[in-house]
Amino acid sequence: MRSGGKISIKLDPAPERGEKLLCAVSGGADSMCLLHLLVSGGYDVTAAHFEHGAMKGVRGWYAKKRQ
């Protein structure tokens, strides 16, 4: 949702501020944006990497980043 040059999200059901959330991220722009919005929105977020196989070569890239 876009409002006055800012991006906001609506979660349904909406968790309480400070509630611990687990956000699965693939490292793509959309999941990193979601993670950023949750953190900047005051949520206590833990990010978990999720490789869903949509992009070729990601497994090799991620393995190199973990070393």
Protein backbone atom coordinates (compact mmCIF):
# COMPACT_ATOMS: atom_id res chain seq x y z
CA MET A 1 0.00 0.00 0.00
CA ARG A 2 1.43 3.40 -0.91
CA SER A 3 0.51 6.55 0.97
CA GLY A 4 2.17 9.97 0.66
CA GLY A 5 5.50 8.65 -0.64
CA LYS A 6 5.71 5.97 2.04
CA ILE A 7 5.14 2.25 1.74
CA SER A 8 3.14 0.46 4.38
CA ILE A 9 1.88 -3.07 4.81
CA LYS A 10 -1.28 -4.46 6.38
CA LEU A 11 -0.98 -7.82 8.09
CA ASP A 12 -4.19 -9.73 8.73
CA PRO A 13 -4.44 -10.74 11.47
CA ALA A 14 -2.13 -7.98 12.67
CA PRO A 15 0.47 -9.07 15.22
CA GLU A 16 1.10 -6.85 18.22
CA ARG A 17 4.11 -4.52 18.10
CA GLY A 18 7.01 -6.24 19.80
CA GLU A 19 5.53 -9.68 19.11
CA LYS A 20 8.15 -12.08 17.79
CA LEU A 21 7.77 -12.86 14.10
CA LEU A 22 9.59 -15.29 11.81
CA CYS A 23 10.03 -13.96 8.27
CA ALA A 24 11.13 -16.41 5.57
CA VAL A 25 13.31 -14.56 3.06
CA SER A 26 14.86 -15.77 -0.17
CA GLY A 27 17.18 -12.79 -0.56
CA GLY A 28 15.17 -11.34 -3.46
CA ALA A 29 14.03 -7.74 -3.52
CA ASP A 30 10.45 -8.53 -2.47
CA SER A 31 11.31 -10.59 0.60
CA MET A 32 14.05 -8.18 1.67
CA CYS A 33 11.56 -5.31 1.34
CA LEU A 34 9.07 -7.19 3.52
CA LEU A 35 11.78 -7.84 6.11
CA HIS A 36 12.77 -4.15 6.08
CA LEU A 37 9.15 -3.01 6.50
CA LEU A 38 8.58 -5.37 9.42
CA VAL A 39 11.76 -4.29 11.23
CA SER A 40 11.17 -0.58 10.59
CA GLY A 41 7.56 -1.05 11.70
CA GLY A 42 8.68 -2.03 15.18
CA TYR A 43 8.26 -5.79 14.98
CA ASP A 44 10.72 -8.18 16.65
CA VAL A 45 11.71 -10.15 13.54
CA THR A 46 13.92 -13.17 13.00
CA ALA A 47 14.81 -13.80 9.36
CA ALA A 48 15.07 -17.36 8.08
CA HIS A 49 16.56 -18.02 4.66
CA PHE A 50 14.22 -19.93 2.35
CA GLU A 51 15.52 -21.10 -1.01
CA HIS A 52 12.46 -21.99 -3.09
CA GLY A 53 14.32 -22.99 -6.25
CA ALA A 54 12.93 -20.23 -8.47
CA MET A 55 16.32 -18.91 -9.60
CA LYS A 56 19.08 -21.01 -11.13
CA GLY A 57 22.43 -20.87 -9.37
CA VAL A 58 21.12 -19.60 -6.03
CA ARG A 59 22.20 -22.68 -4.09
CA GLY A 60 25.82 -22.20 -5.15
CA TRP A 61 25.66 -18.47 -4.34
CA TYR A 62 24.19 -19.08 -0.89
CA ALA A 63 26.74 -21.80 -0.09
CA LYS A 64 29.57 -19.38 -0.95
CA LYS A 65 28.05 -16.65 1.27
CA ARG A 66 27.88 -19.01 4.25
CA GLN A 67 31.63 -19.79 4.09
